[in-house]
Amino acid sequence: MPKSSTPPDTLLRSAAFVVADLHRVGRAQLDTALADEGLTLRMHWILACLKQEGELTQRQVCDVLAVDRSDMVRLVDGLEKRGFVVRRKHAKDRRKQLLSLTEDGEKTVARTEQLVDDATDRLFADLTAKDRRTLHRLTLRALGYPKKFADTGA
């Protein structure tokens, strides 16, 4: 039985393990930061996506955020119940659900963006600003995202 909660050296040498662990810790911290708003990180992502893109189909949001359709239904149900998102049928294809932010949703995403920024600052408090930019740039590159986002945050 391990004597500490530190993972074995072989795992700490694995970039895949370390990235997965950062995801786990970061997700927990961000979900905690959003809990007072009654939201999860994925709910915040939906609001942020709609804020930037405007009205989208539920399927488009699923694709952009890589969220399973059944999970998306549950998440949007929660956002709709809170009055942050409205769903309506697509005019040309009644099978499609269009999502858009309400006024309360716009106000909420402004608050949650700050909560996410603050939690991210705490998560990376031990890194210099340069280290954070480097981590962001390398992660974007590893995931194949455009270079233009490399210096826009982190």
C-alpha atoms as a PDB file:
ATOM      1  CA  MET A   1       0.000   0.000   0.000  1.00  0.00           C
ATOM      2  CA  PRO A   2       1.453   3.415  -0.971  1.00  0.00           C
ATOM      3  CA  LYS A   3       2.746   5.584   1.853  1.00  0.00           C
ATOM      4  CA  SER A   4       1.766   8.887   0.209  1.00  0.00           C
ATOM      5  CA  SER A   5      -0.680  10.253  -2.312  1.00  0.00           C
ATOM      6  CA  THR A   6       2.117  11.027  -4.781  1.00  0.00           C
ATOM      7  CA  PRO A   7       1.794   8.902  -7.915  1.00  0.00           C
ATOM      8  CA  PRO A   8       4.616   6.494  -8.785  1.00  0.00           C
ATOM      9  CA  ASP A   9       7.660   7.917 -10.576  1.00  0.00           C
ATOM     10  CA  THR A  10       6.814   5.995 -13.741  1.00  0.00           C
ATOM     11  CA  LEU A  11       3.503   7.856 -13.990  1.00  0.00           C
ATOM     12  CA  LEU A  12       5.025  11.247 -13.210  1.00  0.00           C
ATOM     13  CA  ARG A  13       7.438  10.691 -16.118  1.00  0.00           C
ATOM     14  CA  SER A  14       4.461  10.185 -18.440  1.00  0.00           C
ATOM     15  CA  ALA A  15       3.271  13.374 -20.140  1.00  0.00           C
ATOM     16  CA  ALA A  16      -0.098  11.697 -20.755  1.00  0.00           C
ATOM     17  CA  PHE A  17      -0.569  10.992 -17.042  1.00  0.00           C
ATOM     18  CA  VAL A  18       0.494  14.491 -15.988  1.00  0.00           C
ATOM     19  CA  VAL A  19      -1.819  16.160 -18.533  1.00  0.00           C
ATOM     20  CA  ALA A  20      -4.714  13.933 -17.423  1.00  0.00           C
ATOM     21  CA  ASP A  21      -4.003  14.764 -13.773  1.00  0.00           C
ATOM     22  CA  LEU A  22      -3.898  18.495 -14.561  1.00  0.00           C
ATOM     23  CA  HIS A  23      -7.268  18.103 -16.286  1.00  0.00           C
ATOM     24  CA  ARG A  24      -8.717  16.303 -13.268  1.00  0.00           C
ATOM     25  CA  VAL A  25      -7.442  18.855 -10.729  1.00  0.00           C
ATOM     26  CA  GLY A  26      -8.304  21.838 -12.909  1.00  0.00           C
ATOM     27  CA  ARG A  27     -11.798  20.602 -13.675  1.00  0.00           C
ATOM     28  CA  ALA A  28     -12.509  20.063  -9.972  1.00  0.00           C
ATOM     29  CA  GLN A  29     -11.248  23.545  -9.071  1.00  0.00           C
ATOM     30  CA  LEU A  30     -13.202  25.208 -11.863  1.00  0.00           C
ATOM     31  CA  ASP A  31     -16.399  23.316 -11.015  1.00  0.00           C
ATOM     32  CA  THR A  32     -15.981  24.405  -7.378  1.00  0.00           C
ATOM     33  CA  ALA A  33     -15.510  28.029  -8.455  1.00  0.00           C
ATOM     34  CA  LEU A  34     -18.734  27.899 -10.489  1.00  0.00           C
ATOM     35  CA  ALA A  35     -20.801  26.072  -7.864  1.00  0.00           C
ATOM     36  CA  ASP A  36     -22.087  29.279  -6.241  1.00  0.00           C
ATOM     37  CA  GLU A  37     -23.638  30.181  -9.595  1.00  0.00           C
ATOM     38  CA  GLY A  38     -25.232  26.726  -9.711  1.00  0.00           C
ATOM     39  CA  LEU A  39     -23.235  25.856 -12.816  1.00  0.00           C
ATOM     40  CA  THR A  40     -20.622  23.365 -13.907  1.00  0.00           C
ATOM     41  CA  LEU A  41     -17.672  24.054 -16.158  1.00  0.00           C
ATOM     42  CA  ARG A  42     -19.433  22.449 -19.124  1.00  0.00           C
ATOM     43  CA  MET A  43     -22.466  24.677 -18.550  1.00  0.00           C
ATOM     44  CA  HIS A  44     -20.149  27.689 -18.549  1.00  0.00           C
ATOM     45  CA  TRP A  45     -18.615  26.480 -21.818  1.00  0.00           C
ATOM     46  CA  ILE A  46     -22.079  26.335 -23.413  1.00  0.00           C
ATOM     47  CA  LEU A  47     -22.864  29.879 -22.279  1.00  0.00           C
ATOM     48  CA  ALA A  48     -19.467  31.128 -23.492  1.00  0.00           C
ATOM     49  CA  CYS A  49     -19.930  29.401 -26.849  1.00  0.00           C
ATOM     50  CA  LEU A  50     -23.352  31.001 -27.343  1.00  0.00           C
ATOM     51  CA  LYS A  51     -22.029  34.384 -26.221  1.00  0.00           C
ATOM     52  CA  GLN A  52     -19.381  34.357 -28.934  1.00  0.00           C
ATOM     53  CA  GLU A  53     -21.238  32.581 -31.728  1.00  0.00           C
ATOM     54  CA  GLY A  54     -24.814  33.712 -31.132  1.00  0.00           C
ATOM     55  CA  GLU A  55     -27.650  31.325 -31.903  1.00  0.00           C
ATOM     56  CA  LEU A  56     -26.490  27.783 -32.672  1.00  0.00           C
ATOM     57  CA  THR A  57     -28.155  24.426 -33.024  1.00  0.00           C
ATOM     58  CA  GLN A  58     -27.794  22.097 -30.095  1.00  0.00           C
ATOM     59  CA  ARG A  59     -25.837  19.750 -32.386  1.00  0.00           C
ATOM     60  CA  GLN A  60     -23.389  22.516 -33.339  1.00  0.00           C
ATOM     61  CA  VAL A  61     -22.670  23.184 -29.668  1.00  0.00           C
ATOM     62  CA  CYS A  62     -22.170  19.428 -29.118  1.00  0.00           C
ATOM     63  CA  ASP A  63     -19.666  19.323 -31.948  1.00  0.00           C
ATOM     64  CA  VAL A  64     -17.747  22.448 -30.904  1.00  0.00           C
ATOM     65  CA  LEU A  65     -17.449  21.369 -27.265  1.00  0.00           C
ATOM     66  CA  ALA A  66     -17.141  17.608 -27.906  1.00  0.00           C
ATOM     67  CA  VAL A  67     -20.072  16.889 -25.594  1.00  0.00           C
ATOM     68  CA  ASP A  68     -22.201  13.766 -26.026  1.00  0.00           C
ATOM     69  CA  ARG A  69     -25.725  14.588 -27.244  1.00  0.00           C
ATOM     70  CA  SER A  70     -27.450  12.999 -24.243  1.00  0.00           C
ATOM     71  CA  ASP A  71     -25.200  14.958 -21.876  1.00  0.00           C
ATOM     72  CA  MET A  72     -25.926  18.136 -23.836  1.00  0.00           C
ATOM     73  CA  VAL A  73     -29.670  17.662 -23.394  1.00  0.00           C
ATOM     74  CA  ARG A  74     -29.230  17.412 -19.625  1.00  0.00           C
ATOM     75  CA  LEU A  75     -26.901  20.430 -19.506  1.00  0.00           C
ATOM     76  CA  VAL A  76     -29.191  22.589 -21.650  1.00  0.00           C
ATOM     77  CA  ASP A  77     -32.214  21.492 -19.592  1.00  0.00           C
ATOM     78  CA  GLY A  78     -30.434  22.868 -16.512  1.00  0.00           C
ATOM     79  CA  LEU A  79     -29.503  26.125 -18.235  1.00  0.00           C
ATOM     80  CA  GLU A  80     -33.013  26.531 -19.618  1.00  0.00           C
ATOM     81  CA  LYS A  81     -34.569  25.863 -16.210  1.00  0.00           C
ATOM     82  CA  ARG A  82     -32.376  28.601 -14.712  1.00  0.00           C
ATOM     83  CA  GLY A  83     -33.457  31.014 -17.442  1.00  0.00           C
ATOM     84  CA  PHE A  84     -30.011  31.361 -19.051  1.00  0.00           C
ATOM     85  CA  VAL A  85     -30.777  29.717 -22.406  1.00  0.00           C
ATOM     86  CA  VAL A  86     -33.831  29.394 -24.610  1.00  0.00           C
ATOM     87  CA  ARG A  87     -34.497  26.586 -27.067  1.00  0.00           C
ATOM     88  CA  ARG A  88     -36.635  26.957 -30.135  1.00  0.00           C
ATOM     89  CA  LYS A  89     -37.309  24.865 -33.200  1.00  0.00           C
ATOM     90  CA  HIS A  90     -35.323  25.656 -36.335  1.00  0.00           C
ATOM     91  CA  ALA A  91     -37.596  27.360 -38.906  1.00  0.00           C
ATOM     92  CA  LYS A  92     -36.500  25.127 -41.804  1.00  0.00           C
ATOM     93  CA  ASP A  93     -35.815  21.875 -39.960  1.00  0.00           C
ATOM     94  CA  ARG A  94     -38.161  21.232 -37.027  1.00  0.00           C
ATOM     95  CA  ARG A  95     -35.925  18.390 -35.803  1.00  0.00           C
ATOM     96  CA  LYS A  96     -33.207  20.891 -34.895  1.00  0.00           C
ATOM     97  CA  GLN A  97     -33.163  22.833 -31.638  1.00  0.00           C
ATOM     98  CA  LEU A  98     -31.708  26.353 -31.765  1.00  0.00           C
ATOM     99  CA  LEU A  99     -30.064  27.647 -28.596  1.00  0.00           C
ATOM    100  CA  SER A 100     -29.557  31.257 -27.623  1.00  0.00           C
ATOM    101  CA  LEU A 101     -28.650  33.193 -24.497  1.00  0.00           C
ATOM    102  CA  THR A 102     -31.229  35.112 -22.539  1.00  0.00           C
ATOM    103  CA  GLU A 103     -30.434  38.457 -20.939  1.00  0.00           C
ATOM    104  CA  ASP A 104     -29.858  36.616 -17.648  1.00  0.00           C
ATOM    105  CA  GLY A 105     -27.588  34.191 -19.490  1.00  0.00           C
ATOM    106  CA  GLU A 106     -25.508  37.081 -20.852  1.00  0.00           C
ATOM    107  CA  LYS A 107     -25.135  38.553 -17.360  1.00  0.00           C
ATOM    108  CA  THR A 108     -24.275  35.153 -15.912  1.00  0.00           C
ATOM    109  CA  VAL A 109     -21.590  34.341 -18.480  1.00  0.00           C
ATOM    110  CA  ALA A 110     -19.918  37.679 -17.747  1.00  0.00           C
ATOM    111  CA  ARG A 111     -19.687  36.663 -14.066  1.00  0.00           C
ATOM    112  CA  THR A 112     -18.642  33.084 -14.772  1.00  0.00           C
ATOM    113  CA  GLU A 113     -15.884  34.190 -17.146  1.00  0.00           C
ATOM    114  CA  GLN A 114     -14.346  36.110 -14.238  1.00  0.00           C
ATOM    115  CA  LEU A 115     -14.787  33.138 -11.893  1.00  0.00           C
ATOM    116  CA  VAL A 116     -13.061  30.869 -14.416  1.00  0.00           C
ATOM    117  CA  ASP A 117     -10.227  33.372 -14.888  1.00  0.00           C
ATOM    118  CA  ASP A 118      -9.732  33.648 -11.113  1.00  0.00           C
ATOM    119  CA  ALA A 119      -9.767  29.864 -10.638  1.00  0.00           C
ATOM    120  CA  THR A 120      -7.323  29.457 -13.523  1.00  0.00           C
ATOM    121  CA  ASP A 121      -5.008  31.992 -11.886  1.00  0.00           C
ATOM    122  CA  ARG A 122      -5.105  29.946  -8.675  1.00  0.00           C
ATOM    123  CA  LEU A 123      -4.521  26.691 -10.560  1.00  0.00           C
ATOM    124  CA  PHE A 124      -1.402  28.080 -12.232  1.00  0.00           C
ATOM    125  CA  ALA A 125      -0.228  30.297  -9.375  1.00  0.00           C
ATOM    126  CA  ASP A 126       3.168  28.545  -9.263  1.00  0.00           C
ATOM    127  CA  LEU A 127       3.862  29.346 -12.923  1.00  0.00           C
ATOM    128  CA  THR A 128       5.277  32.608 -14.219  1.00  0.00           C
ATOM    129  CA  ALA A 129       3.314  34.509 -16.850  1.00  0.00           C
ATOM    130  CA  LYS A 130       5.868  33.348 -19.422  1.00  0.00           C
ATOM    131  CA  ASP A 131       5.481  29.711 -18.311  1.00  0.00           C
ATOM    132  CA  ARG A 132       1.692  30.013 -18.623  1.00  0.00           C
ATOM    133  CA  ARG A 133       1.941  31.423 -22.137  1.00  0.00           C
ATOM    134  CA  THR A 134       4.347  28.628 -23.084  1.00  0.00           C
ATOM    135  CA  LEU A 135       2.051  25.957 -21.632  1.00  0.00           C
ATOM    136  CA  HIS A 136      -0.896  27.459 -23.494  1.00  0.00           C
ATOM    137  CA  ARG A 137       1.018  27.691 -26.783  1.00  0.00           C
ATOM    138  CA  LEU A 138       2.332  24.118 -26.557  1.00  0.00           C
ATOM    139  CA  THR A 139      -1.065  22.716 -25.597  1.00  0.00           C
ATOM    140  CA  LEU A 140      -2.730  24.489 -28.524  1.00  0.00           C
ATOM    141  CA  ARG A 141      -0.063  23.099 -30.843  1.00  0.00           C
ATOM    142  CA  ALA A 142      -0.388  19.558 -29.477  1.00  0.00           C
ATOM    143  CA  LEU A 143      -4.149  19.741 -30.047  1.00  0.00           C
ATOM    144  CA  GLY A 144      -3.775  21.170 -33.553  1.00  0.00           C
ATOM    145  CA  TYR A 145      -5.484  24.500 -32.876  1.00  0.00           C
ATOM    146  CA  PRO A 146      -4.553  27.653 -34.820  1.00  0.00           C
ATOM    147  CA  LYS A 147      -1.471  29.573 -33.688  1.00  0.00           C
ATOM    148  CA  LYS A 148      -3.426  32.843 -33.498  1.00  0.00           C
ATOM    149  CA  PHE A 149      -4.790  31.845 -30.061  1.00  0.00           C
ATOM    150  CA  ALA A 150      -1.364  31.223 -28.533  1.00  0.00           C
ATOM    151  CA  ASP A 151      -0.955  34.626 -26.878  1.00  0.00           C
ATOM    152  CA  THR A 152      -4.579  35.393 -26.041  1.00  0.00           C
ATOM    153  CA  GLY A 153      -4.857  34.184 -22.510  1.00  0.00           C
ATOM    154  CA  ALA A 154      -3.448  31.448 -20.328  1.00  0.00           C
END
